[in-house]
C-alpha atoms as a PDB file:
ATOM      1  CA  UNK A   1       0.000   0.000   0.000  1.00  0.00           C
ATOM      2  CA  UNK A   2       1.114   3.500  -0.705  1.00  0.00           C
ATOM      3  CA  UNK A   3       0.266   6.839   0.808  1.00  0.00           C
ATOM      4  CA  UNK A   4      -3.132   7.515   2.350  1.00  0.00           C
ATOM      5  CA  UNK A   5      -4.484   4.039   1.619  1.00  0.00           C
ATOM      6  CA  UNK A   6      -3.857   4.296  -2.137  1.00  0.00           C
ATOM      7  CA  UNK A   7      -1.757   1.787  -3.996  1.00  0.00           C
ATOM      8  CA  UNK A   8       1.344   3.264  -5.628  1.00  0.00           C
ATOM      9  CA  UNK A   9       2.267   1.798  -8.994  1.00  0.00           C
ATOM     10  CA  UNK A  10       4.896   2.347 -11.650  1.00  0.00           C
ATOM     11  CA  UNK A  11       2.482   2.881 -14.549  1.00  0.00           C
ATOM     12  CA  UNK A  12       2.764   6.317 -16.070  1.00  0.00           C
ATOM     13  CA  UNK A  13       0.373   8.026 -18.429  1.00  0.00           C
ATOM     14  CA  UNK A  14       0.718  10.982 -20.737  1.00  0.00           C
ATOM     15  CA  UNK A  15       1.159  14.383 -19.085  1.00  0.00           C
ATOM     16  CA  UNK A  16      -1.429  16.786 -20.442  1.00  0.00           C
ATOM     17  CA  UNK A  17      -0.391  19.895 -18.518  1.00  0.00           C
ATOM     18  CA  UNK A  18       2.804  21.717 -17.645  1.00  0.00           C
ATOM     19  CA  UNK A  19       4.965  20.622 -14.713  1.00  0.00           C
ATOM     20  CA  UNK A  20       6.448  24.105 -14.263  1.00  0.00           C
ATOM     21  CA  UNK A  21       5.534  27.613 -15.307  1.00  0.00           C
ATOM     22  CA  UNK A  22       7.174  31.012 -14.944  1.00  0.00           C
ATOM     23  CA  UNK A  23       5.981  34.388 -16.143  1.00  0.00           C
ATOM     24  CA  UNK A  24       7.354  37.911 -16.297  1.00  0.00           C
ATOM     25  CA  UNK A  25       4.873  40.732 -15.902  1.00  0.00           C
ATOM     26  CA  UNK A  26       4.750  44.521 -15.981  1.00  0.00           C
ATOM     27  CA  UNK A  27       2.410  46.060 -13.423  1.00  0.00           C
ATOM     28  CA  UNK A  28       0.353  49.164 -14.146  1.00  0.00           C
ATOM     29  CA  UNK A  29       2.582  51.278 -11.877  1.00  0.00           C
ATOM     30  CA  UNK A  30       5.698  50.290 -13.841  1.00  0.00           C
ATOM     31  CA  UNK A  31       7.091  47.603 -11.528  1.00  0.00           C
ATOM     32  CA  UNK A  32       8.068  44.201 -12.874  1.00  0.00           C
ATOM     33  CA  UNK A  33       6.791  40.941 -11.413  1.00  0.00           C
ATOM     34  CA  UNK A  34       7.773  37.317 -11.766  1.00  0.00           C
ATOM     35  CA  UNK A  35       5.459  34.408 -11.027  1.00  0.00           C
ATOM     36  CA  UNK A  36       6.618  30.822 -10.770  1.00  0.00           C
ATOM     37  CA  UNK A  37       4.900  27.561  -9.929  1.00  0.00           C
ATOM     38  CA  UNK A  38       5.786  23.889 -10.081  1.00  0.00           C
ATOM     39  CA  UNK A  39       3.784  20.825  -9.215  1.00  0.00           C
ATOM     40  CA  UNK A  40       6.784  18.492  -9.336  1.00  0.00           C
ATOM     41  CA  UNK A  41       9.778  20.441  -7.983  1.00  0.00           C
ATOM     42  CA  UNK A  42      11.273  19.221  -4.723  1.00  0.00           C
ATOM     43  CA  UNK A  43      11.460  21.686  -1.871  1.00  0.00           C
ATOM     44  CA  UNK A  44       8.861  23.614   0.102  1.00  0.00           C
ATOM     45  CA  UNK A  45       5.358  22.156   0.152  1.00  0.00           C
ATOM     46  CA  UNK A  46       2.428  24.539  -0.242  1.00  0.00           C
ATOM     47  CA  UNK A  47       4.681  27.572  -0.126  1.00  0.00           C
ATOM     48  CA  UNK A  48       3.252  30.849  -1.277  1.00  0.00           C
ATOM     49  CA  UNK A  49       5.915  33.516  -1.112  1.00  0.00           C
ATOM     50  CA  UNK A  50       6.072  37.212  -1.873  1.00  0.00           C
ATOM     51  CA  UNK A  51       9.288  39.153  -2.319  1.00  0.00           C
ATOM     52  CA  UNK A  52       9.477  42.848  -3.151  1.00  0.00           C
ATOM     53  CA  UNK A  53      12.799  44.355  -4.228  1.00  0.00           C
ATOM     54  CA  UNK A  54      13.260  48.110  -4.460  1.00  0.00           C
ATOM     55  CA  UNK A  55      16.010  50.685  -4.654  1.00  0.00           C
ATOM     56  CA  UNK A  56      15.728  51.492  -0.927  1.00  0.00           C
ATOM     57  CA  UNK A  57      15.343  47.958   0.384  1.00  0.00           C
ATOM     58  CA  UNK A  58      13.324  44.777   0.115  1.00  0.00           C
ATOM     59  CA  UNK A  59      10.837  42.668   2.012  1.00  0.00           C
ATOM     60  CA  UNK A  60       9.783  39.054   1.876  1.00  0.00           C
ATOM     61  CA  UNK A  61       7.149  36.805   3.359  1.00  0.00           C
ATOM     62  CA  UNK A  62       6.558  33.078   2.960  1.00  0.00           C
ATOM     63  CA  UNK A  63       3.533  30.969   3.870  1.00  0.00           C
ATOM     64  CA  UNK A  64       5.846  28.383   5.430  1.00  0.00           C
ATOM     65  CA  UNK A  65       7.091  31.067   7.847  1.00  0.00           C
ATOM     66  CA  UNK A  66       3.877  33.061   7.963  1.00  0.00           C
ATOM     67  CA  UNK A  67       4.512  34.562  11.398  1.00  0.00           C
ATOM     68  CA  UNK A  68       7.763  36.184  10.290  1.00  0.00           C
ATOM     69  CA  UNK A  69       8.191  39.081   7.870  1.00  0.00           C
ATOM     70  CA  UNK A  70      11.703  39.883   6.684  1.00  0.00           C
ATOM     71  CA  UNK A  71      12.728  43.459   5.874  1.00  0.00           C
ATOM     72  CA  UNK A  72      15.989  44.921   4.563  1.00  0.00           C
ATOM     73  CA  UNK A  73      16.262  48.714   4.379  1.00  0.00           C
ATOM     74  CA  UNK A  74      19.165  50.659   2.892  1.00  0.00           C
ATOM     75  CA  UNK A  75      22.642  49.587   1.948  1.00  0.00           C
ATOM     76  CA  UNK A  76      23.470  48.097   5.339  1.00  0.00           C
ATOM     77  CA  UNK A  77      27.111  49.249   5.305  1.00  0.00           C
ATOM     78  CA  UNK A  78      29.349  46.333   6.209  1.00  0.00           C
ATOM     79  CA  UNK A  79      26.334  44.468   7.587  1.00  0.00           C
ATOM     80  CA  UNK A  80      23.960  43.248   4.926  1.00  0.00           C
ATOM     81  CA  UNK A  81      20.861  41.176   5.494  1.00  0.00           C
ATOM     82  CA  UNK A  82      17.281  41.032   6.582  1.00  0.00           C
ATOM     83  CA  UNK A  83      15.698  41.909   9.902  1.00  0.00           C
ATOM     84  CA  UNK A  84      12.964  39.531  10.994  1.00  0.00           C
ATOM     85  CA  UNK A  85       9.766  41.125  12.248  1.00  0.00           C
ATOM     86  CA  UNK A  86       7.678  38.727  14.350  1.00  0.00           C
ATOM     87  CA  UNK A  87       3.894  38.769  14.112  1.00  0.00           C
ATOM     88  CA  UNK A  88       2.477  40.626  17.101  1.00  0.00           C
ATOM     89  CA  UNK A  89      -0.565  42.483  18.402  1.00  0.00           C
ATOM     90  CA  UNK A  90      -1.124  45.457  16.119  1.00  0.00           C
ATOM     91  CA  UNK A  91      -0.621  43.329  13.005  1.00  0.00           C
ATOM     92  CA  UNK A  92      -4.075  42.755  11.575  1.00  0.00           C
ATOM     93  CA  UNK A  93      -6.216  40.396  13.666  1.00  0.00           C
ATOM     94  CA  UNK A  94      -3.242  38.813  15.442  1.00  0.00           C
ATOM     95  CA  UNK A  95      -4.296  40.022  18.935  1.00  0.00           C
ATOM     96  CA  UNK A  96      -7.619  38.185  18.589  1.00  0.00           C
ATOM     97  CA  UNK A  97      -5.673  34.900  18.629  1.00  0.00           C
ATOM     98  CA  UNK A  98      -2.386  35.451  20.477  1.00  0.00           C
ATOM     99  CA  UNK A  99      -1.467  37.571  23.523  1.00  0.00           C
ATOM    100  CA  UNK A 100       2.057  38.601  22.547  1.00  0.00           C
ATOM    101  CA  UNK A 101       4.660  38.751  19.760  1.00  0.00           C
ATOM    102  CA  UNK A 102       6.315  35.678  18.321  1.00  0.00           C
ATOM    103  CA  UNK A 103       3.549  33.204  19.168  1.00  0.00           C
ATOM    104  CA  UNK A 104       2.626  31.567  15.873  1.00  0.00           C
ATOM    105  CA  UNK A 105      -0.801  31.888  14.335  1.00  0.00           C
ATOM    106  CA  UNK A 106      -2.002  28.894  12.371  1.00  0.00           C
ATOM    107  CA  UNK A 107      -3.568  28.187   9.009  1.00  0.00           C
ATOM    108  CA  UNK A 108      -6.841  27.579  10.876  1.00  0.00           C
ATOM    109  CA  UNK A 109      -6.600  31.037  12.483  1.00  0.00           C
ATOM    110  CA  UNK A 110      -6.258  32.574   9.018  1.00  0.00           C
ATOM    111  CA  UNK A 111      -9.312  30.646   7.800  1.00  0.00           C
ATOM    112  CA  UNK A 112     -11.270  32.005  10.782  1.00  0.00           C
ATOM    113  CA  UNK A 113     -10.203  35.561   9.850  1.00  0.00           C
ATOM    114  CA  UNK A 114     -11.235  34.958   6.227  1.00  0.00           C
ATOM    115  CA  UNK A 115     -14.620  33.560   7.326  1.00  0.00           C
ATOM    116  CA  UNK A 116     -15.185  36.602   9.562  1.00  0.00           C
ATOM    117  CA  UNK A 117     -14.392  38.930   6.645  1.00  0.00           C
ATOM    118  CA  UNK A 118     -16.821  36.992   4.429  1.00  0.00           C
ATOM    119  CA  UNK A 119     -19.590  37.167   7.038  1.00  0.00           C
ATOM    120  CA  UNK A 120     -18.928  40.882   7.522  1.00  0.00           C
ATOM    121  CA  UNK A 121     -19.283  41.391   3.769  1.00  0.00           C
ATOM    122  CA  UNK A 122     -22.589  39.537   3.743  1.00  0.00           C
ATOM    123  CA  UNK A 123     -24.080  41.325   6.751  1.00  0.00           C
ATOM    124  CA  UNK A 124     -22.627  44.822   6.239  1.00  0.00           C
ATOM    125  CA  UNK A 125     -22.311  45.001   2.474  1.00  0.00           C
ATOM    126  CA  UNK A 126     -18.552  45.582   2.689  1.00  0.00           C
ATOM    127  CA  UNK A 127     -15.887  44.107   0.396  1.00  0.00           C
ATOM    128  CA  UNK A 128     -13.152  42.807   2.711  1.00  0.00           C
ATOM    129  CA  UNK A 129     -12.990  39.137   1.738  1.00  0.00           C
ATOM    130  CA  UNK A 130     -11.831  37.792  -1.615  1.00  0.00           C
ATOM    131  CA  UNK A 131     -14.721  37.795  -4.053  1.00  0.00           C
ATOM    132  CA  UNK A 132     -15.726  36.118  -7.283  1.00  0.00           C
ATOM    133  CA  UNK A 133     -14.348  39.225  -9.015  1.00  0.00           C
ATOM    134  CA  UNK A 134     -10.953  38.554  -7.386  1.00  0.00           C
ATOM    135  CA  UNK A 135     -11.078  34.974  -8.645  1.00  0.00           C
ATOM    136  CA  UNK A 136     -11.937  36.208 -12.135  1.00  0.00           C
ATOM    137  CA  UNK A 137      -9.021  38.675 -12.009  1.00  0.00           C
ATOM    138  CA  UNK A 138      -6.632  35.843 -11.116  1.00  0.00           C
ATOM    139  CA  UNK A 139      -8.030  33.728 -13.965  1.00  0.00           C
ATOM    140  CA  UNK A 140      -7.509  36.665 -16.358  1.00  0.00           C
ATOM    141  CA  UNK A 141      -3.829  36.784 -15.367  1.00  0.00           C
ATOM    142  CA  UNK A 142      -3.530  33.039 -16.069  1.00  0.00           C
ATOM    143  CA  UNK A 143      -5.214  33.450 -19.465  1.00  0.00           C
ATOM    144  CA  UNK A 144      -2.839  36.304 -20.397  1.00  0.00           C
ATOM    145  CA  UNK A 145       0.127  34.074 -19.479  1.00  0.00           C
ATOM    146  CA  UNK A 146      -1.205  31.293 -21.729  1.00  0.00           C
ATOM    147  CA  UNK A 147      -1.734  33.780 -24.601  1.00  0.00           C
ATOM    148  CA  UNK A 148       1.767  35.187 -24.082  1.00  0.00           C
ATOM    149  CA  UNK A 149       3.329  31.724 -24.248  1.00  0.00           C
ATOM    150  CA  UNK A 150       1.539  31.120 -27.562  1.00  0.00           C
ATOM    151  CA  UNK A 151       2.247  34.554 -29.088  1.00  0.00           C
ATOM    152  CA  UNK A 152       5.733  34.864 -27.547  1.00  0.00           C
ATOM    153  CA  UNK A 153       5.006  38.522 -26.825  1.00  0.00           C
ATOM    154  CA  UNK A 154       3.543  40.730 -24.093  1.00  0.00           C
ATOM    155  CA  UNK A 155      -0.187  40.235 -23.593  1.00  0.00           C
ATOM    156  CA  UNK A 156      -2.498  42.573 -21.716  1.00  0.00           C
ATOM    157  CA  UNK A 157      -4.555  41.263 -18.813  1.00  0.00           C
ATOM    158  CA  UNK A 158      -8.265  41.727 -19.430  1.00  0.00           C
ATOM    159  CA  UNK A 159      -9.851  44.119 -16.957  1.00  0.00           C
ATOM    160  CA  UNK A 160     -12.935  42.230 -15.747  1.00  0.00           C
END
C-alpha cells in the first residue's frame, strides 16, 4: 500500500499539462513581477511567497514562515541582510488569537479571519474578503500568461 491508503504503482500516463511555469509581468505602476509555480519540484510544500525588491530595500514573506516578515532597508554598510519582524498584536487580527509577539498563528486562524471577513461582507455590504471578481481577475492573469506563451510577446490582462 502506498500513501493515504492508495496503492502506488509504476504505470505512467501521458502528461497533459505543464509541470512548471514562470511568467514575467509589468504592473500598471511600472514595476516588474515574476510568477513561478511547479507541481513536481522538490522543496517547500504549499509555499506561497512574496518578495518585493526596491532601490531602498526589500521585504519578503513566505507561507511556510507566515509569522515572520523579513525586511531589509538601505545599503546596510558592512552588515547586509534582513531583519525579521515577528507577528504581534497590532498586526491585523493577530491580537484576537495570540497575547504577545512571536507566538505563531495557524492556518486555521487565518481561515477564521477569512470567514469573519466573508460574514462581515454579507451582513454589512462591505468588500473585505476575496470575491468572485478577485477569482476572475486571477483567472484573467492566467489566461494572459497562456496567450503570451503562444504569441511569444507581451499580452495585456483583461480588466474584468
